[in-house]
Amino acid sequence: MKLVPRTDAFRRRLNYLVVKLNKRDFLLQSLEVDGKSGVNSVFVIDVNSLNPKIPAETFEVYKPQ
């Protein structure tokens, strides 16, 4: 699925974004980003578990005083 940005914030920086989904369960398989600066990046997504339990210490919340 090829997506073309519509908002100005992304349109100024990106030509397009390609999202590839797995045919069996429609999970994200890869992302391809083509930037206007000439950089083209492909990110391969490896899903090894769904809905894992995240340890509480992974994210620390700081409250402003």
PDB file of N, CA and C in Angstrom:
ATOM      1  N   MET A   1       0.843  -1.144   0.000  1.00  0.00           N
ATOM      2  CA  MET A   1       0.000   0.000   0.000  1.00  0.00           C
ATOM      3  C   MET A   1       0.907   1.230   0.000  1.00  0.00           C
ATOM      4  N   LYS A   2       0.791   2.050  -1.010  1.00  0.00           N
ATOM      5  CA  LYS A   2       1.612   3.261  -1.128  1.00  0.00           C
ATOM      6  C   LYS A   2       0.796   4.449  -0.642  1.00  0.00           C
ATOM      7  N   LEU A   3       1.333   5.146   0.348  1.00  0.00           N
ATOM      8  CA  LEU A   3       0.647   6.301   0.931  1.00  0.00           C
ATOM      9  C   LEU A   3       1.387   7.575   0.569  1.00  0.00           C
ATOM     10  N   VAL A   4       0.647   8.580   0.150  1.00  0.00           N
ATOM     11  CA  VAL A   4       1.219   9.888  -0.169  1.00  0.00           C
ATOM     12  C   VAL A   4       0.743  10.861   0.908  1.00  0.00           C
ATOM     13  N   PRO A   5       1.663  11.565   1.555  1.00  0.00           N
ATOM     14  CA  PRO A   5       1.259  12.461   2.646  1.00  0.00           C
ATOM     15  C   PRO A   5       0.390  13.610   2.155  1.00  0.00           C
ATOM     16  N   ARG A   6      -0.599  13.956   2.973  1.00  0.00           N
ATOM     17  CA  ARG A   6      -1.510  15.044   2.617  1.00  0.00           C
ATOM     18  C   ARG A   6      -1.263  16.296   3.452  1.00  0.00           C
ATOM     19  N   THR A   7      -0.753  16.131   4.676  1.00  0.00           N
ATOM     20  CA  THR A   7      -0.517  17.304   5.514  1.00  0.00           C
ATOM     21  C   THR A   7       0.807  17.953   5.129  1.00  0.00           C
ATOM     22  N   ASP A   8       0.883  19.244   5.263  1.00  0.00           N
ATOM     23  CA  ASP A   8       2.083  19.985   4.866  1.00  0.00           C
ATOM     24  C   ASP A   8       3.320  19.566   5.642  1.00  0.00           C
ATOM     25  N   ALA A   9       3.141  19.231   6.919  1.00  0.00           N
ATOM     26  CA  ALA A   9       4.296  18.859   7.740  1.00  0.00           C
ATOM     27  C   ALA A   9       5.034  17.650   7.165  1.00  0.00           C
ATOM     28  N   PHE A  10       4.294  16.672   6.670  1.00  0.00           N
ATOM     29  CA  PHE A  10       4.912  15.483   6.080  1.00  0.00           C
ATOM     30  C   PHE A  10       5.185  15.655   4.591  1.00  0.00           C
ATOM     31  N   ARG A  11       4.335  16.382   3.895  1.00  0.00           N
ATOM     32  CA  ARG A  11       4.482  16.550   2.445  1.00  0.00           C
ATOM     33  C   ARG A  11       5.794  17.250   2.083  1.00  0.00           C
ATOM     34  N   ARG A  12       6.251  18.158   2.960  1.00  0.00           N
ATOM     35  CA  ARG A  12       7.508  18.861   2.703  1.00  0.00           C
ATOM     36  C   ARG A  12       8.714  17.948   2.825  1.00  0.00           C
ATOM     37  N   ARG A  13       8.594  16.841   3.599  1.00  0.00           N
ATOM     38  CA  ARG A  13       9.740  15.977   3.867  1.00  0.00           C
ATOM     39  C   ARG A  13       9.694  14.627   3.165  1.00  0.00           C
ATOM     40  N   LEU A  14       8.496  14.138   2.828  1.00  0.00           N
ATOM     41  CA  LEU A  14       8.353  12.794   2.262  1.00  0.00           C
ATOM     42  C   LEU A  14       7.751  12.819   0.870  1.00  0.00           C
ATOM     43  N   ASN A  15       8.266  11.934   0.007  1.00  0.00           N
ATOM     44  CA  ASN A  15       7.619  11.708  -1.282  1.00  0.00           C
ATOM     45  C   ASN A  15       6.486  10.710  -1.099  1.00  0.00           C
ATOM     46  N   TYR A  16       6.796   9.579  -0.453  1.00  0.00           N
ATOM     47  CA  TYR A  16       5.780   8.562  -0.200  1.00  0.00           C
ATOM     48  C   TYR A  16       6.235   7.628   0.907  1.00  0.00           C
ATOM     49  N   LEU A  17       5.284   6.845   1.399  1.00  0.00           N
ATOM     50  CA  LEU A  17       5.512   5.840   2.424  1.00  0.00           C
ATOM     51  C   LEU A  17       4.825   4.563   1.949  1.00  0.00           C
ATOM     52  N   VAL A  18       5.580   3.464   1.884  1.00  0.00           N
ATOM     53  CA  VAL A  18       5.022   2.186   1.448  1.00  0.00           C
ATOM     54  C   VAL A  18       4.891   1.285   2.669  1.00  0.00           C
ATOM     55  N   VAL A  19       3.682   0.763   2.881  1.00  0.00           N
ATOM     56  CA  VAL A  19       3.394  -0.142   3.989  1.00  0.00           C
ATOM     57  C   VAL A  19       3.083  -1.512   3.403  1.00  0.00           C
ATOM     58  N   LYS A  20       3.860  -2.525   3.814  1.00  0.00           N
ATOM     59  CA  LYS A  20       3.602  -3.888   3.355  1.00  0.00           C
ATOM     60  C   LYS A  20       3.051  -4.709   4.510  1.00  0.00           C
ATOM     61  N   LEU A  21       1.917  -5.365   4.256  1.00  0.00           N
ATOM     62  CA  LEU A  21       1.258  -6.173   5.266  1.00  0.00           C
ATOM     63  C   LEU A  21       1.375  -7.650   4.916  1.00  0.00           C
ATOM     64  N   ASN A  22       1.403  -8.484   5.943  1.00  0.00           N
ATOM     65  CA  ASN A  22       1.427  -9.930   5.760  1.00  0.00           C
ATOM     66  C   ASN A  22       0.067 -10.365   5.207  1.00  0.00           C
ATOM     67  N   LYS A  23       0.051 -11.224   4.189  1.00  0.00           N
ATOM     68  CA  LYS A  23      -1.202 -11.645   3.564  1.00  0.00           C
ATOM     69  C   LYS A  23      -2.058 -12.512   4.478  1.00  0.00           C
ATOM     70  N   ARG A  24      -1.415 -13.256   5.364  1.00  0.00           N
ATOM     71  CA  ARG A  24      -2.151 -14.201   6.199  1.00  0.00           C
ATOM     72  C   ARG A  24      -2.922 -13.516   7.316  1.00  0.00           C
ATOM     73  N   ASP A  25      -2.259 -12.649   8.082  1.00  0.00           N
ATOM     74  CA  ASP A  25      -2.912 -12.047   9.242  1.00  0.00           C
ATOM     75  C   ASP A  25      -2.867 -10.517   9.249  1.00  0.00           C
ATOM     76  N   PHE A  26      -2.426  -9.916   8.148  1.00  0.00           N
ATOM     77  CA  PHE A  26      -2.410  -8.462   7.953  1.00  0.00           C
ATOM     78  C   PHE A  26      -1.577  -7.717   8.991  1.00  0.00           C
ATOM     79  N   LEU A  27      -0.545  -8.362   9.536  1.00  0.00           N
ATOM     80  CA  LEU A  27       0.384  -7.683  10.422  1.00  0.00           C
ATOM     81  C   LEU A  27       1.413  -6.926   9.596  1.00  0.00           C
ATOM     82  N   LEU A  28       1.937  -5.858  10.160  1.00  0.00           N
ATOM     83  CA  LEU A  28       2.936  -5.041   9.483  1.00  0.00           C
ATOM     84  C   LEU A  28       4.187  -5.865   9.188  1.00  0.00           C
ATOM     85  N   GLN A  29       4.623  -5.848   7.927  1.00  0.00           N
ATOM     86  CA  GLN A  29       5.792  -6.616   7.503  1.00  0.00           C
ATOM     87  C   GLN A  29       6.985  -5.710   7.245  1.00  0.00           C
ATOM     88  N   SER A  30       6.764  -4.579   6.571  1.00  0.00           N
ATOM     89  CA  SER A  30       7.855  -3.642   6.334  1.00  0.00           C
ATOM     90  C   SER A  30       7.315  -2.250   6.019  1.00  0.00           C
ATOM     91  N   LEU A  31       8.193  -1.269   6.230  1.00  0.00           N
ATOM     92  CA  LEU A  31       7.903   0.129   5.906  1.00  0.00           C
ATOM     93  C   LEU A  31       9.013   0.645   5.001  1.00  0.00           C
ATOM     94  N   GLU A  32       8.643   1.354   3.955  1.00  0.00           N
ATOM     95  CA  GLU A  32       9.630   2.001   3.088  1.00  0.00           C
ATOM     96  C   GLU A  32       9.312   3.485   3.061  1.00  0.00           C
ATOM     97  N   VAL A  33      10.308   4.298   3.385  1.00  0.00           N
ATOM     98  CA  VAL A  33      10.126   5.747   3.438  1.00  0.00           C
ATOM     99  C   VAL A  33      11.023   6.368   2.384  1.00  0.00           C
ATOM    100  N   ASP A  34      10.429   7.155   1.490  1.00  0.00           N
ATOM    101  CA  ASP A  34      11.196   7.866   0.465  1.00  0.00           C
ATOM    102  C   ASP A  34      11.131   9.347   0.790  1.00  0.00           C
ATOM    103  N   GLY A  35      12.256   9.902   1.225  1.00  0.00           N
ATOM    104  CA  GLY A  35      12.306  11.301   1.613  1.00  0.00           C
ATOM    105  C   GLY A  35      12.706  12.199   0.463  1.00  0.00           C
ATOM    106  N   LYS A  36      12.332  13.452   0.557  1.00  0.00           N
ATOM    107  CA  LYS A  36      12.665  14.421  -0.489  1.00  0.00           C
ATOM    108  C   LYS A  36      14.140  14.795  -0.466  1.00  0.00           C
ATOM    109  N   SER A  37      14.843  14.438   0.613  1.00  0.00           N
ATOM    110  CA  SER A  37      16.275  14.724   0.687  1.00  0.00           C
ATOM    111  C   SER A  37      17.090  13.700  -0.097  1.00  0.00           C
ATOM    112  N   GLY A  38      16.416  12.696  -0.681  1.00  0.00           N
ATOM    113  CA  GLY A  38      17.115  11.674  -1.449  1.00  0.00           C
ATOM    114  C   GLY A  38      17.374  10.399  -0.668  1.00  0.00           C
ATOM    115  N   VAL A  39      17.002  10.375   0.594  1.00  0.00           N
ATOM    116  CA  VAL A  39      17.204   9.201   1.433  1.00  0.00           C
ATOM    117  C   VAL A  39      16.007   8.272   1.297  1.00  0.00           C
ATOM    118  N   ASN A  40      16.280   6.999   1.017  1.00  0.00           N
ATOM    119  CA  ASN A  40      15.238   5.986   0.933  1.00  0.00           C
ATOM    120  C   ASN A  40      15.574   4.921   1.967  1.00  0.00           C
ATOM    121  N   SER A  41      14.674   4.690   2.927  1.00  0.00           N
ATOM    122  CA  SER A  41      14.916   3.735   4.002  1.00  0.00           C
ATOM    123  C   SER A  41      13.854   2.654   3.993  1.00  0.00           C
ATOM    124  N   VAL A  42      14.281   1.401   4.231  1.00  0.00           N
ATOM    125  CA  VAL A  42      13.359   0.279   4.336  1.00  0.00           C
ATOM    126  C   VAL A  42      13.545  -0.332   5.712  1.00  0.00           C
ATOM    127  N   PHE A  43      12.444  -0.466   6.443  1.00  0.00           N
ATOM    128  CA  PHE A  43      12.457  -1.052   7.778  1.00  0.00           C
ATOM    129  C   PHE A  43      11.695  -2.369   7.732  1.00  0.00           C
ATOM    130  N   VAL A  44      12.363  -3.469   8.056  1.00  0.00           N
ATOM    131  CA  VAL A  44      11.720  -4.779   8.093  1.00  0.00           C
ATOM    132  C   VAL A  44      11.243  -5.010   9.523  1.00  0.00           C
ATOM    133  N   ILE A  45       9.972  -5.343   9.675  1.00  0.00           N
ATOM    134  CA  ILE A  45       9.356  -5.522  10.988  1.00  0.00           C
ATOM    135  C   ILE A  45       9.251  -7.021  11.274  1.00  0.00           C
ATOM    136  N   ASP A  46       9.806  -7.444  12.409  1.00  0.00           N
ATOM    137  CA  ASP A  46       9.738  -8.844  12.826  1.00  0.00           C
ATOM    138  C   ASP A  46       8.850  -8.926  14.063  1.00  0.00           C
ATOM    139  N   VAL A  47       7.646  -9.453  13.892  1.00  0.00           N
ATOM    140  CA  VAL A  47       6.716  -9.606  15.007  1.00  0.00           C
ATOM    141  C   VAL A  47       6.946 -10.982  15.610  1.00  0.00           C
ATOM    142  N   ASN A  48       7.436 -11.015  16.857  1.00  0.00           N
ATOM    143  CA  ASN A  48       7.700 -12.306  17.474  1.00  0.00           C
ATOM    144  C   ASN A  48       6.710 -12.646  18.576  1.00  0.00           C
ATOM    145  N   SER A  49       5.879 -11.683  18.994  1.00  0.00           N
ATOM    146  CA  SER A  49       4.807 -11.983  19.944  1.00  0.00           C
ATOM    147  C   SER A  49       3.769 -10.863  19.879  1.00  0.00           C
ATOM    148  N   LEU A  50       2.539 -11.200  20.198  1.00  0.00           N
ATOM    149  CA  LEU A  50       1.460 -10.225  20.194  1.00  0.00           C
ATOM    150  C   LEU A  50       1.006  -9.967  21.622  1.00  0.00           C
ATOM    151  N   ASN A  51       0.749  -8.705  21.936  1.00  0.00           N
ATOM    152  CA  ASN A  51       0.283  -8.287  23.259  1.00  0.00           C
ATOM    153  C   ASN A  51       1.159  -8.810  24.397  1.00  0.00           C
ATOM    154  N   PRO A  52       2.471  -8.576  24.330  1.00  0.00           N
ATOM    155  CA  PRO A  52       3.329  -9.043  25.428  1.00  0.00           C
ATOM    156  C   PRO A  52       3.121  -8.192  26.679  1.00  0.00           C
ATOM    157  N   LYS A  53       3.408  -8.747  27.797  1.00  0.00           N
ATOM    158  CA  LYS A  53       3.329  -8.021  29.076  1.00  0.00           C
ATOM    159  C   LYS A  53       4.588  -7.156  29.204  1.00  0.00           C
ATOM    160  N   ILE A  54       4.421  -5.855  29.313  1.00  0.00           N
ATOM    161  CA  ILE A  54       5.552  -4.932  29.410  1.00  0.00           C
ATOM    162  C   ILE A  54       5.851  -4.686  30.885  1.00  0.00           C
ATOM    163  N   PRO A  55       7.105  -4.880  31.311  1.00  0.00           N
ATOM    164  CA  PRO A  55       7.451  -4.629  32.713  1.00  0.00           C
ATOM    165  C   PRO A  55       7.222  -3.161  33.091  1.00  0.00           C
ATOM    166  N   ALA A  56       6.759  -2.937  34.299  1.00  0.00           N
ATOM    167  CA  ALA A  56       6.445  -1.580  34.764  1.00  0.00           C
ATOM    168  C   ALA A  56       7.668  -0.675  34.756  1.00  0.00           C
ATOM    169  N   GLU A  57       8.864  -1.223  34.989  1.00  0.00           N
ATOM    170  CA  GLU A  57      10.075  -0.395  35.043  1.00  0.00           C
ATOM    171  C   GLU A  57      10.573   0.032  33.658  1.00  0.00           C
ATOM    172  N   THR A  58       9.926  -0.434  32.595  1.00  0.00           N
ATOM    173  CA  THR A  58      10.319  -0.038  31.245  1.00  0.00           C
ATOM    174  C   THR A  58      10.099   1.456  31.032  1.00  0.00           C
ATOM    175  N   PHE A  59       8.989   1.969  31.526  1.00  0.00           N
ATOM    176  CA  PHE A  59       8.661   3.381  31.375  1.00  0.00           C
ATOM    177  C   PHE A  59       8.589   4.018  32.754  1.00  0.00           C
ATOM    178  N   GLU A  60       9.306   5.111  32.920  1.00  0.00           N
ATOM    179  CA  GLU A  60       9.264   5.848  34.174  1.00  0.00           C
ATOM    180  C   GLU A  60       8.474   7.131  33.948  1.00  0.00           C
ATOM    181  N   VAL A  61       7.580   7.422  34.860  1.00  0.00           N
ATOM    182  CA  VAL A  61       6.753   8.620  34.750  1.00  0.00           C
ATOM    183  C   VAL A  61       7.290   9.670  35.718  1.00  0.00           C
ATOM    184  N   TYR A  62       7.572  10.837  35.194  1.00  0.00           N
ATOM    185  CA  TYR A  62       8.049  11.952  36.010  1.00  0.00           C
ATOM    186  C   TYR A  62       6.924  12.989  36.119  1.00  0.00           C
ATOM    187  N   LYS A  63       6.588  13.334  37.336  1.00  0.00           N
ATOM    188  CA  LYS A  63       5.546  14.334  37.562  1.00  0.00           C
ATOM    189  C   LYS A  63       6.208  15.683  37.857  1.00  0.00           C
ATOM    190  N   PRO A  64       5.832  16.723  37.111  1.00  0.00           N
ATOM    191  CA  PRO A  64       6.404  18.039  37.391  1.00  0.00           C
ATOM    192  C   PRO A  64       5.929  18.557  38.745  1.00  0.00           C
ATOM    193  N   GLN A  65       6.803  19.253  39.428  1.00  0.00           N
ATOM    194  CA  GLN A  65       6.440  19.778  40.750  1.00  0.00           C
ATOM    195  C   GLN A  65       6.118  21.235  40.704  1.00  0.00           C
TER     196      GLN A  65
END
